[in-house]
């Protein structure tokens, strides 16, 4: 029995790549045109409107977001301006209060200083009067003390008590000169 042999080769002449086969070229162009027209219609009727709508929606959303951001920025700028104005007003009020308090305390301290000076002047005048009176009293007693001291010294030196008239005359002469 003979074994059949299978071959994968065809016996006809050289084979051409099918798209380049000139016998099928007209039908390929026909189907290419039909597919192109079909895809063109499908893209223009369905896909491109959806893509355009998505792009328009995104563009609208972006512009809305930019408008909202601009509004928020304007609001924050207004808030910052209001804050800075309030801060400036608060600083002004604080400065005015500080000036007023400083002036008030200066007036009070001036009044207190004047009162203390008056009190000190009065005390000084009273002290000067007391010193003058004490000095006057001491000066009045100086003559008597000098007479007594002179008598005691002379008696101690010579052993005899001197006469009162002689002691008075000696003390008077010493106080004058």
N, C-alpha and C. Protein backbone atom coordinates (compact mmCIF):
# COMPACT_ATOMS: atom_id res chain seq x y z
N UNK A 1 0.81 -1.13 0.00
CA UNK A 1 0.00 0.00 0.00
C UNK A 1 0.88 1.22 0.00
N UNK A 2 0.41 2.12 -0.68
CA UNK A 2 1.23 3.32 -0.81
C UNK A 2 0.77 4.35 0.19
N UNK A 3 1.69 5.08 0.77
CA UNK A 3 1.36 6.11 1.75
C UNK A 3 1.08 7.42 1.05
N UNK A 4 0.01 7.97 1.35
CA UNK A 4 -0.28 9.25 0.73
C UNK A 4 0.65 10.33 1.29
N UNK A 5 1.03 11.15 0.51
CA UNK A 5 1.89 12.27 0.94
C UNK A 5 1.07 13.55 0.85
N UNK A 6 1.13 14.32 1.86
CA UNK A 6 0.39 15.59 1.89
C UNK A 6 1.36 16.72 1.69
N UNK A 7 0.97 17.61 0.85
CA UNK A 7 1.81 18.77 0.60
C UNK A 7 1.02 20.03 0.91
N UNK A 8 1.72 21.01 1.40
CA UNK A 8 1.07 22.30 1.69
C UNK A 8 1.30 23.29 0.58
N UNK A 9 2.04 22.96 -0.38
CA UNK A 9 2.33 23.87 -1.45
C UNK A 9 1.32 23.69 -2.56
N UNK A 10 1.06 24.75 -3.26
CA UNK A 10 0.18 24.68 -4.41
C UNK A 10 1.04 24.58 -5.66
N UNK A 11 0.51 23.94 -6.62
CA UNK A 11 1.28 23.67 -7.82
C UNK A 11 1.27 24.83 -8.79
N UNK A 12 0.39 25.80 -8.60
CA UNK A 12 0.32 26.90 -9.56
C UNK A 12 1.51 27.82 -9.44
N UNK A 13 1.58 28.88 -10.28
CA UNK A 13 2.73 29.77 -10.39
C UNK A 13 2.94 30.60 -9.14
N UNK A 14 3.74 31.62 -9.25
CA UNK A 14 4.10 32.43 -8.08
C UNK A 14 2.87 33.14 -7.49
N UNK A 15 2.81 33.16 -6.18
CA UNK A 15 1.69 33.78 -5.45
C UNK A 15 1.98 35.25 -5.20
N UNK A 16 0.94 36.13 -5.25
CA UNK A 16 1.06 37.57 -5.00
C UNK A 16 0.33 37.88 -3.70
N UNK A 17 0.87 38.84 -2.95
CA UNK A 17 0.23 39.27 -1.71
C UNK A 17 -1.15 39.80 -2.03
N UNK A 18 -2.21 39.32 -1.34
CA UNK A 18 -3.59 39.61 -1.75
C UNK A 18 -3.92 41.08 -1.91
N UNK A 19 -3.49 42.02 -1.06
CA UNK A 19 -3.86 43.40 -1.31
C UNK A 19 -3.23 43.95 -2.58
N UNK A 20 -2.16 43.35 -3.01
CA UNK A 20 -1.52 43.83 -4.24
C UNK A 20 -1.94 43.05 -5.48
N UNK A 21 -2.87 42.18 -5.29
CA UNK A 21 -3.34 41.39 -6.42
C UNK A 21 -4.22 42.27 -7.30
N UNK A 22 -3.84 42.45 -8.52
CA UNK A 22 -4.56 43.35 -9.41
C UNK A 22 -5.93 42.84 -9.78
N UNK A 23 -6.20 41.57 -9.62
CA UNK A 23 -7.51 41.02 -9.96
C UNK A 23 -8.56 41.43 -8.91
N UNK A 24 -8.14 41.62 -7.64
CA UNK A 24 -9.10 41.95 -6.57
C UNK A 24 -9.04 43.43 -6.19
N UNK A 25 -8.31 44.20 -6.97
CA UNK A 25 -8.07 45.60 -6.62
C UNK A 25 -9.35 46.42 -6.65
N UNK A 26 -10.22 46.24 -7.61
CA UNK A 26 -11.46 47.02 -7.74
C UNK A 26 -12.41 46.70 -6.60
N UNK A 27 -12.54 45.47 -6.21
CA UNK A 27 -13.44 45.12 -5.12
C UNK A 27 -12.91 45.65 -3.79
N UNK A 28 -11.59 45.65 -3.63
CA UNK A 28 -11.00 46.19 -2.40
C UNK A 28 -11.29 47.68 -2.28
N UNK A 29 -11.17 48.41 -3.39
CA UNK A 29 -11.47 49.84 -3.37
C UNK A 29 -12.94 50.07 -3.06
N UNK A 30 -13.82 49.24 -3.60
CA UNK A 30 -15.26 49.37 -3.34
C UNK A 30 -15.54 49.19 -1.85
N UNK A 31 -15.00 48.14 -1.25
CA UNK A 31 -15.26 47.89 0.17
C UNK A 31 -14.57 48.92 1.07
N UNK A 32 -13.44 49.41 0.62
CA UNK A 32 -12.77 50.48 1.37
C UNK A 32 -13.65 51.72 1.41
N UNK A 33 -14.25 52.07 0.27
CA UNK A 33 -15.12 53.24 0.21
C UNK A 33 -16.35 53.04 1.09
N UNK A 34 -16.95 51.85 1.02
CA UNK A 34 -18.14 51.57 1.84
C UNK A 34 -17.78 51.66 3.33
N UNK A 35 -16.66 51.06 3.75
CA UNK A 35 -16.26 51.09 5.17
C UNK A 35 -15.94 52.52 5.60
N UNK A 36 -15.28 53.27 4.73
CA UNK A 36 -14.94 54.64 5.08
C UNK A 36 -16.20 55.48 5.26
N UNK A 37 -17.15 55.32 4.33
CA UNK A 37 -18.40 56.07 4.43
C UNK A 37 -19.16 55.67 5.68
N UNK A 38 -19.21 54.37 5.98
CA UNK A 38 -19.90 53.88 7.17
C UNK A 38 -19.26 54.45 8.44
N UNK A 39 -17.94 54.36 8.55
CA UNK A 39 -17.24 54.88 9.72
C UNK A 39 -17.37 56.41 9.83
N UNK A 40 -17.34 57.09 8.68
CA UNK A 40 -17.49 58.55 8.68
C UNK A 40 -18.86 58.94 9.21
N UNK A 41 -19.90 58.25 8.75
CA UNK A 41 -21.27 58.54 9.21
C UNK A 41 -21.39 58.23 10.70
N UNK A 42 -20.87 57.10 11.12
CA UNK A 42 -20.95 56.71 12.54
C UNK A 42 -20.22 57.73 13.42
N UNK A 43 -19.04 58.16 13.00
CA UNK A 43 -18.26 59.12 13.78
C UNK A 43 -18.97 60.47 13.83
N UNK A 44 -19.48 60.94 12.69
CA UNK A 44 -20.09 62.27 12.65
C UNK A 44 -21.45 62.29 13.35
N UNK A 45 -22.18 61.18 13.35
CA UNK A 45 -23.51 61.15 13.97
C UNK A 45 -23.48 60.77 15.45
N UNK A 46 -22.54 59.95 15.87
CA UNK A 46 -22.56 59.45 17.25
C UNK A 46 -21.34 59.84 18.08
N UNK A 47 -20.18 59.49 17.62
CA UNK A 47 -18.98 59.66 18.45
C UNK A 47 -18.58 61.13 18.57
N UNK A 48 -18.49 61.85 17.47
CA UNK A 48 -18.03 63.24 17.52
C UNK A 48 -18.98 64.15 18.33
N UNK A 49 -20.32 64.00 18.22
CA UNK A 49 -21.17 64.83 19.08
C UNK A 49 -20.96 64.55 20.58
N UNK A 50 -20.76 63.27 20.92
CA UNK A 50 -20.51 62.94 22.34
C UNK A 50 -19.19 63.53 22.80
N UNK A 51 -18.18 63.41 22.00
CA UNK A 51 -16.87 63.96 22.37
C UNK A 51 -16.96 65.49 22.47
N UNK A 52 -17.66 66.11 21.52
CA UNK A 52 -17.85 67.57 21.56
C UNK A 52 -18.60 67.99 22.82
N UNK A 53 -19.65 67.22 23.18
CA UNK A 53 -20.42 67.54 24.38
C UNK A 53 -19.55 67.41 25.64
N UNK A 54 -18.72 66.37 25.67
CA UNK A 54 -17.83 66.18 26.83
C UNK A 54 -16.83 67.33 26.92
N UNK A 55 -16.27 67.72 25.79
CA UNK A 55 -15.31 68.82 25.77
C UNK A 55 -15.99 70.13 26.18
N UNK A 56 -17.20 70.38 25.67
CA UNK A 56 -17.95 71.59 26.05
C UNK A 56 -18.27 71.59 27.54
N UNK A 57 -18.68 70.42 28.06
CA UNK A 57 -19.01 70.29 29.48
C UNK A 57 -17.77 70.56 30.33
N UNK A 58 -16.64 70.00 29.93
CA UNK A 58 -15.40 70.24 30.68
C UNK A 58 -15.00 71.71 30.61
N UNK A 59 -15.14 72.30 29.44
CA UNK A 59 -14.79 73.72 29.29
C UNK A 59 -15.69 74.59 30.16
N UNK A 60 -17.00 74.25 30.19
CA UNK A 60 -17.94 75.00 31.01
C UNK A 60 -17.60 74.83 32.50
N UNK A 61 -17.28 73.62 32.89
CA UNK A 61 -16.93 73.35 34.29
C UNK A 61 -15.65 74.11 34.67
N UNK A 62 -14.69 74.13 33.78
CA UNK A 62 -13.43 74.85 34.05
C UNK A 62 -13.70 76.35 34.18
N UNK A 63 -14.50 76.88 33.26
CA UNK A 63 -14.80 78.33 33.34
C UNK A 63 -15.62 78.65 34.58
N UNK A 64 -16.55 77.77 34.96
CA UNK A 64 -17.30 77.98 36.20
C UNK A 64 -16.38 77.94 37.42
N UNK A 65 -15.45 76.97 37.42
CA UNK A 65 -14.51 76.87 38.53
C UNK A 65 -13.61 78.11 38.60
N UNK A 66 -13.19 78.60 37.44
CA UNK A 66 -12.36 79.81 37.42
C UNK A 66 -13.16 81.02 37.92
N UNK A 67 -14.42 81.11 37.53
CA UNK A 67 -15.26 82.21 38.00
C UNK A 67 -15.47 82.12 39.52
N UNK A 68 -15.70 80.90 40.03
CA UNK A 68 -15.86 80.72 41.47
C UNK A 68 -14.57 81.06 42.21
N UNK A 69 -13.45 80.68 41.63
CA UNK A 69 -12.16 81.00 42.24
C UNK A 69 -11.94 82.51 42.25
N UNK A 70 -12.32 83.19 41.18
CA UNK A 70 -12.17 84.65 41.13
C UNK A 70 -13.06 85.31 42.19
N UNK A 71 -14.31 84.79 42.34
CA UNK A 71 -15.20 85.33 43.37
C UNK A 71 -14.62 85.10 44.77
N UNK A 72 -14.10 83.88 44.99
CA UNK A 72 -13.50 83.57 46.30
C UNK A 72 -12.29 84.46 46.56
N UNK A 73 -11.49 84.70 45.53
CA UNK A 73 -10.31 85.56 45.69
C UNK A 73 -10.75 86.99 46.00
N UNK A 74 -11.77 87.47 45.30
CA UNK A 74 -12.28 88.82 45.57
C UNK A 74 -12.82 88.91 47.00
N UNK A 75 -13.54 87.86 47.43
CA UNK A 75 -14.07 87.86 48.79
C UNK A 75 -12.94 87.83 49.82
N UNK A 76 -11.91 87.02 49.55
CA UNK A 76 -10.79 86.97 50.50
C UNK A 76 -10.01 88.28 50.50
N UNK A 77 -9.87 88.91 49.32
CA UNK A 77 -9.21 90.22 49.27
C UNK A 77 -10.01 91.26 50.06
N UNK A 78 -11.33 91.21 49.92
CA UNK A 78 -12.18 92.14 50.68
C UNK A 78 -12.05 91.86 52.18
N UNK A 79 -12.01 90.58 52.55
CA UNK A 79 -11.87 90.24 53.97
C UNK A 79 -10.52 90.70 54.51
N UNK A 80 -9.47 90.53 53.71
CA UNK A 80 -8.14 90.99 54.14
C UNK A 80 -8.13 92.51 54.29
N UNK A 81 -8.75 93.20 53.34
CA UNK A 81 -8.80 94.67 53.42
C UNK A 81 -9.59 95.11 54.66
N UNK A 82 -10.72 94.45 54.92
CA UNK A 82 -11.51 94.78 56.11
C UNK A 82 -10.72 94.49 57.38
N UNK A 83 -10.01 93.37 57.39
CA UNK A 83 -9.19 93.00 58.55
C UNK A 83 -8.10 94.05 58.77
N UNK A 84 -7.42 94.43 57.71
CA UNK A 84 -6.36 95.43 57.84
C UNK A 84 -6.91 96.77 58.30
N UNK A 85 -8.08 97.14 57.79
CA UNK A 85 -8.70 98.41 58.21
C UNK A 85 -9.08 98.33 59.69
N UNK A 86 -9.68 97.21 60.10
CA UNK A 86 -10.05 97.04 61.51
C UNK A 86 -8.81 97.05 62.39
N UNK A 87 -7.75 96.41 61.91
CA UNK A 87 -6.50 96.39 62.67
C UNK A 87 -5.92 97.80 62.80
N UNK A 88 -5.96 98.56 61.72
CA UNK A 88 -5.47 99.94 61.77
C UNK A 88 -6.32 100.79 62.72
N UNK A 89 -7.64 100.61 62.68
CA UNK A 89 -8.51 101.35 63.59
C UNK A 89 -8.24 100.95 65.05
N UNK A 90 -8.02 99.66 65.27
CA UNK A 90 -7.73 99.19 66.63
C UNK A 90 -6.40 99.76 67.12
N UNK A 91 -5.41 99.80 66.24
CA UNK A 91 -4.13 100.39 66.62
C UNK A 91 -4.31 101.87 66.95
N UNK A 92 -5.11 102.58 66.14
CA UNK A 92 -5.36 103.99 66.40
C UNK A 92 -6.05 104.20 67.73
N UNK A 93 -7.08 103.36 68.01
CA UNK A 93 -7.77 103.48 69.29
C UNK A 93 -6.82 103.16 70.45
N UNK A 94 -6.00 102.13 70.27
CA UNK A 94 -5.05 101.77 71.32
C UNK A 94 -4.06 102.90 71.56
N UNK A 95 -3.60 103.52 70.49
CA UNK A 95 -2.66 104.65 70.62
C UNK A 95 -3.34 105.81 71.34
N UNK A 96 -4.61 106.09 70.97
CA UNK A 96 -5.34 107.18 71.62
C UNK A 96 -5.54 106.88 73.11
N UNK A 97 -5.89 105.64 73.42
CA UNK A 97 -6.09 105.26 74.83
C UNK A 97 -4.77 105.37 75.59
N UNK A 98 -3.69 104.92 74.95
CA UNK A 98 -2.38 105.01 75.60
C UNK A 98 -1.99 106.47 75.84
N UNK A 99 -2.23 107.33 74.84
CA UNK A 99 -1.91 108.76 75.00
C UNK A 99 -2.76 109.38 76.10
N UNK A 100 -4.04 109.05 76.10
CA UNK A 100 -4.95 109.59 77.11
C UNK A 100 -4.53 109.12 78.50
N UNK A 101 -4.19 107.84 78.62
CA UNK A 101 -3.78 107.30 79.92
C UNK A 101 -2.47 107.94 80.37
N UNK A 102 -1.52 108.08 79.43
CA UNK A 102 -0.25 108.71 79.77
C UNK A 102 -0.47 110.15 80.23
N UNK A 103 -1.32 110.91 79.52
CA UNK A 103 -1.59 112.29 79.91
C UNK A 103 -2.28 112.36 81.27
N UNK A 104 -3.23 111.45 81.49
CA UNK A 104 -3.95 111.42 82.75
C UNK A 104 -3.00 111.10 83.91
N UNK A 105 -2.13 110.10 83.69
CA UNK A 105 -1.18 109.75 84.74
C UNK A 105 -0.17 110.86 84.97
N UNK A 106 0.25 111.55 83.90
CA UNK A 106 1.17 112.68 84.05
C UNK A 106 0.51 113.79 84.85
N UNK A 107 -0.77 114.06 84.58
CA UNK A 107 -1.49 115.10 85.32
C UNK A 107 -1.62 114.70 86.79
N UNK A 108 -1.99 113.42 87.02
CA UNK A 108 -2.13 112.95 88.39
C UNK A 108 -0.80 112.99 89.13
N UNK A 109 0.28 112.57 88.46
CA UNK A 109 1.59 112.58 89.13
C UNK A 109 2.04 114.01 89.38
N UNK A 110 1.73 114.92 88.46
CA UNK A 110 2.08 116.34 88.65
C UNK A 110 1.33 116.89 89.86
N UNK A 111 0.04 116.57 89.95
CA UNK A 111 -0.76 117.04 91.10
C UNK A 111 -0.23 116.43 92.39
N UNK A 112 0.12 115.15 92.35
CA UNK A 112 0.66 114.49 93.55
C UNK A 112 2.00 115.10 93.93
N UNK A 113 2.84 115.40 92.92
CA UNK A 113 4.14 116.01 93.19
C UNK A 113 3.97 117.39 93.82
N UNK A 114 3.04 118.17 93.27
CA UNK A 114 2.78 119.51 93.83
C UNK A 114 2.29 119.39 95.28
N UNK A 115 1.40 118.43 95.53
CA UNK A 115 0.88 118.23 96.90
C UNK A 115 2.00 117.81 97.84
N UNK A 116 2.86 116.89 97.38
CA UNK A 116 3.98 116.44 98.22
C UNK A 116 4.94 117.59 98.48
N UNK A 117 5.21 118.42 97.45
CA UNK A 117 6.10 119.56 97.63
C UNK A 117 5.51 120.55 98.63
N UNK A 118 4.18 120.77 98.54
CA UNK A 118 3.54 121.67 99.50
C UNK A 118 3.64 121.12 100.92
N UNK A 119 3.39 119.79 101.05
CA UNK A 119 3.49 119.16 102.37
C UNK A 119 4.91 119.26 102.91
N UNK A 120 5.89 118.99 102.03
CA UNK A 120 7.29 119.06 102.46
C UNK A 120 7.68 120.49 102.82
N UNK A 121 7.18 121.46 102.03
CA UNK A 121 7.47 122.86 102.34
C UNK A 121 6.88 123.24 103.69
N UNK A 122 5.67 122.79 103.94
CA UNK A 122 5.03 123.08 105.24
C UNK A 122 5.81 122.43 106.38
N UNK A 123 6.21 121.16 106.18
CA UNK A 123 6.98 120.47 107.22
C UNK A 123 8.35 121.13 107.42
N UNK A 124 8.97 121.57 106.29
CA UNK A 124 10.27 122.24 106.38
C UNK A 124 10.13 123.56 107.14
N UNK A 125 9.06 124.30 106.84
CA UNK A 125 8.84 125.57 107.55
C UNK A 125 8.62 125.32 109.04
N UNK A 126 7.83 124.27 109.34
CA UNK A 126 7.59 123.94 110.74
C UNK A 126 8.88 123.50 111.42
N UNK A 127 9.70 122.71 110.69
CA UNK A 127 10.97 122.26 111.26
C UNK A 127 11.90 123.44 111.48
N UNK A 128 11.93 124.39 110.51
CA UNK A 128 12.78 125.57 110.67
C UNK A 128 12.33 126.41 111.88
N UNK A 129 11.01 126.53 112.08
CA UNK A 129 10.50 127.27 113.25
C UNK A 129 10.90 126.56 114.54
N UNK A 130 10.80 125.21 114.53
CA UNK A 130 11.17 124.44 115.72
C UNK A 130 12.65 124.60 116.00
N UNK A 131 13.46 124.54 114.92
CA UNK A 131 14.92 124.70 115.08
C UNK A 131 15.23 126.11 115.60
N UNK A 132 14.56 127.12 115.04
CA UNK A 132 14.80 128.50 115.49
C UNK A 132 14.41 128.66 116.96
N UNK A 133 13.26 128.07 117.34
CA UNK A 133 12.82 128.18 118.73
C UNK A 133 13.78 127.43 119.64
N UNK A 134 14.24 126.27 119.21
CA UNK A 134 15.18 125.49 120.03
C UNK A 134 16.50 126.23 120.14
N UNK A 135 16.94 126.84 119.02
CA UNK A 135 18.18 127.61 119.02
C UNK A 135 18.06 128.81 119.95
N UNK A 136 16.90 129.47 119.87
CA UNK A 136 16.64 130.64 120.73
C UNK A 136 16.69 130.20 122.19
N UNK A 137 16.04 129.08 122.48
CA UNK A 137 16.03 128.60 123.87
C UNK A 137 17.43 128.20 124.29
N UNK A 138 18.16 127.55 123.35
CA UNK A 138 19.52 127.13 123.68
C UNK A 138 20.42 128.34 123.88
N UNK A 139 20.25 129.37 123.06
CA UNK A 139 21.07 130.56 123.19
C UNK A 139 20.76 131.30 124.49
N UNK A 140 19.49 131.22 124.88
CA UNK A 140 19.13 131.85 126.15
C UNK A 140 19.79 131.11 127.31
N UNK A 141 19.91 129.84 127.21
CA UNK A 141 20.52 129.03 128.27
C UNK A 141 22.04 129.03 128.18
N UNK A 142 22.60 129.44 127.06
CA UNK A 142 24.05 129.41 126.88
C UNK A 142 24.73 130.34 127.89
N UNK A 143 24.15 131.49 128.10
CA UNK A 143 24.76 132.44 129.04
C UNK A 143 24.78 131.86 130.45
N UNK A 144 23.63 131.26 130.82
CA UNK A 144 23.57 130.66 132.17
C UNK A 144 24.53 129.48 132.29
N UNK A 145 24.63 128.67 131.21
CA UNK A 145 25.53 127.52 131.23
C UNK A 145 26.98 128.01 131.27
N UNK A 146 27.26 129.06 130.49
CA UNK A 146 28.62 129.60 130.46
C UNK A 146 29.03 130.15 131.84
N UNK A 147 28.09 130.83 132.52
CA UNK A 147 28.38 131.38 133.85
C UNK A 147 28.66 130.25 134.82
N UNK A 148 27.81 129.22 134.80
CA UNK A 148 27.99 128.09 135.71
C UNK A 148 29.29 127.36 135.42
N UNK A 149 29.61 127.14 134.09
CA UNK A 149 30.84 126.43 133.72
C UNK A 149 32.07 127.24 134.13
N UNK A 150 32.00 128.56 133.94
CA UNK A 150 33.13 129.41 134.29
C UNK A 150 33.37 129.37 135.80
N UNK A 151 32.31 129.44 136.59
CA UNK A 151 32.45 129.36 138.05
C UNK A 151 33.08 128.04 138.45
N UNK A 152 32.62 126.96 137.84
CA UNK A 152 33.11 125.64 138.20
C UNK A 152 34.58 125.49 137.81
N UNK A 153 34.98 126.01 136.66
CA UNK A 153 36.37 125.88 136.19
C UNK A 153 37.30 126.70 137.08
N UNK A 154 36.91 127.95 137.36
CA UNK A 154 37.76 128.82 138.19
C UNK A 154 37.89 128.23 139.60
N UNK A 155 36.79 127.72 140.13
CA UNK A 155 36.83 127.13 141.47
C UNK A 155 37.72 125.91 141.48
N UNK A 156 37.70 125.13 140.44
CA UNK A 156 38.51 123.94 140.36
C UNK A 156 39.99 124.33 140.23
N UNK A 157 40.27 125.40 139.48
CA UNK A 157 41.66 125.79 139.23
C UNK A 157 42.29 126.47 140.47
N UNK A 158 41.56 127.36 141.07
CA UNK A 158 42.19 128.11 142.16
C UNK A 158 41.68 127.66 143.52
N UNK A 159 40.63 126.91 143.54
CA UNK A 159 40.13 126.36 144.78
C UNK A 159 39.18 127.30 145.50
N UNK A 160 38.96 128.55 145.02
CA UNK A 160 38.09 129.52 145.65
C UNK A 160 37.00 129.86 144.65
N UNK A 161 35.74 130.01 145.12
CA UNK A 161 34.64 130.35 144.26
C UNK A 161 34.71 131.84 143.96
N UNK A 162 34.68 132.25 142.64
CA UNK A 162 34.78 133.65 142.30
C UNK A 162 33.46 134.38 142.55
N UNK A 163 33.49 135.69 142.54
CA UNK A 163 32.30 136.49 142.78
C UNK A 163 31.41 136.44 141.54
N UNK A 164 30.09 136.46 141.75
CA UNK A 164 29.12 136.34 140.65
C UNK A 164 29.26 137.52 139.69
N UNK A 165 29.53 138.71 140.17
CA UNK A 165 29.64 139.90 139.32
C UNK A 165 30.85 139.78 138.42
N UNK A 166 31.96 139.24 138.90
CA UNK A 166 33.16 139.09 138.10
C UNK A 166 32.95 138.05 137.00
N UNK A 167 32.28 136.96 137.35
CA UNK A 167 31.99 135.89 136.37
C UNK A 167 31.06 136.43 135.30
N UNK A 168 30.02 137.19 135.67
CA UNK A 168 29.07 137.75 134.71
C UNK A 168 29.78 138.71 133.76
N UNK A 169 30.66 139.51 134.25
CA UNK A 169 31.39 140.46 133.42
C UNK A 169 32.30 139.73 132.44
N UNK A 170 32.98 138.67 132.91
CA UNK A 170 33.89 137.92 132.03
C UNK A 170 33.12 137.19 130.93
N UNK A 171 31.96 136.63 131.25
CA UNK A 171 31.12 135.91 130.27
C UNK A 171 30.56 136.88 129.26
N UNK A 172 30.13 138.07 129.71
CA UNK A 172 29.57 139.09 128.80
C UNK A 172 30.64 139.52 127.82
N UNK A 173 31.86 139.75 128.32
CA UNK A 173 32.93 140.17 127.44
C UNK A 173 33.29 139.08 126.42
N UNK A 174 33.27 137.81 126.83
CA UNK A 174 33.59 136.69 125.94
C UNK A 174 32.52 136.50 124.88
N UNK A 175 31.26 136.74 125.23
CA UNK A 175 30.15 136.56 124.26
C UNK A 175 30.15 137.68 123.23
N UNK A 176 30.60 138.89 123.61
CA UNK A 176 30.63 139.99 122.68
C UNK A 176 31.71 139.81 121.63
N UNK A 177 32.84 139.37 122.05
CA UNK A 177 34.00 139.35 121.18
C UNK A 177 34.22 138.13 120.46
